[in-house]
Amino acid sequence: MDKIKLANGIMYISVALLFIFTAALSLSKGFTSENNLFLIVGGICIIGIFYFGYKGMTSILDAFFKK
C-alpha cells in the first residue's frame, strides 16, 4: 500500500467535498434569486466535483491495488 498516493487521494476527495457544499449553496441561491452568476459558479463547481472525485478515487484505488 502506497501511503503517499492514499494521502493524495484523500486530499482530492476533501476538495471534492468542498465543491459539493459550494455547488449546493450557489445553485440554490442562483435558482431562488434568478442571478446568473451563482448559476455559473455552481456549474463550475459541479465540474470540479466530478474531476476531483475521479482523481481522488483513482488515486485511492491505485494506492490499494496497484503494485
Protein backbone atom coordinates (compact mmCIF):
# COMPACT_ATOMS: atom_id res chain seq x y z
CA MET A 1 0.00 0.00 0.00
CA ASP A 2 1.40 3.36 -1.06
CA LYS A 3 0.71 5.86 1.72
CA ILE A 4 1.60 8.92 -0.36
CA LYS A 5 -0.96 8.04 -3.05
CA LEU A 6 -3.51 7.35 -0.34
CA ALA A 7 -2.90 10.76 1.25
CA ASN A 8 -3.18 12.45 -2.15
CA GLY A 9 -6.45 10.63 -2.83
CA ILE A 10 -7.92 11.72 0.48
CA MET A 11 -6.85 15.28 -0.29
CA TYR A 12 -8.63 15.17 -3.66
CA ILE A 13 -11.77 13.74 -2.05
CA SER A 14 -11.76 16.51 0.56
CA VAL A 15 -11.54 19.14 -2.19
CA ALA A 16 -14.48 17.42 -3.91
CA LEU A 17 -16.45 17.63 -0.66
CA LEU A 18 -15.72 21.35 -0.50
CA PHE A 19 -17.04 21.72 -4.05
CA ILE A 20 -20.18 19.71 -3.17
CA PHE A 21 -21.21 22.17 -0.47
CA THR A 22 -20.22 25.19 -2.55
CA ALA A 23 -22.19 23.96 -5.55
CA ALA A 24 -25.28 23.22 -3.48
CA LEU A 25 -25.26 26.64 -1.85
CA SER A 26 -24.55 28.59 -5.02
CA LEU A 27 -27.12 26.71 -7.11
CA SER A 28 -29.85 27.12 -4.52
CA LYS A 29 -29.04 30.83 -4.24
CA GLY A 30 -28.96 31.16 -8.04
CA PHE A 31 -32.33 29.49 -8.57
CA THR A 32 -34.08 31.49 -5.86
CA SER A 33 -32.72 34.92 -6.79
CA GLU A 34 -32.53 34.36 -10.58
CA ASN A 35 -28.91 35.51 -10.54
CA ASN A 36 -26.88 34.02 -13.37
CA LEU A 37 -23.54 34.48 -11.63
CA PHE A 38 -24.42 31.99 -8.91
CA LEU A 39 -25.65 29.51 -11.51
CA ILE A 40 -22.38 29.74 -13.44
CA VAL A 41 -20.33 29.31 -10.26
CA GLY A 42 -22.48 26.29 -9.32
CA GLY A 43 -21.94 24.73 -12.74
CA ILE A 44 -18.19 25.18 -12.48
CA CYS A 45 -18.27 23.63 -9.00
CA ILE A 46 -20.16 20.61 -10.36
CA ILE A 47 -17.42 20.09 -12.93
CA GLY A 48 -14.88 20.35 -10.09
CA ILE A 49 -16.81 17.73 -8.11
CA PHE A 50 -16.55 15.19 -10.91
CA TYR A 51 -12.90 15.99 -11.66
CA PHE A 52 -11.59 15.86 -8.11
CA GLY A 53 -13.83 12.94 -7.18
CA TYR A 54 -12.48 10.92 -10.11
CA LYS A 55 -8.87 11.88 -9.34
CA GLY A 56 -9.34 11.00 -5.69
CA MET A 57 -11.00 7.65 -6.28
CA THR A 58 -8.42 6.56 -8.86
CA SER A 59 -5.59 7.63 -6.58
CA ILE A 60 -7.04 5.75 -3.60
CA LEU A 61 -7.69 2.62 -5.65
CA ASP A 62 -4.17 2.78 -7.11
CA ALA A 63 -2.78 3.04 -3.59
CA PHE A 64 -4.56 -0.13 -2.52
CA PHE A 65 -4.46 -2.35 -5.60
CA LYS A 66 -1.59 -1.27 -7.86
CA LYS A 67 1.80 -2.79 -7.27
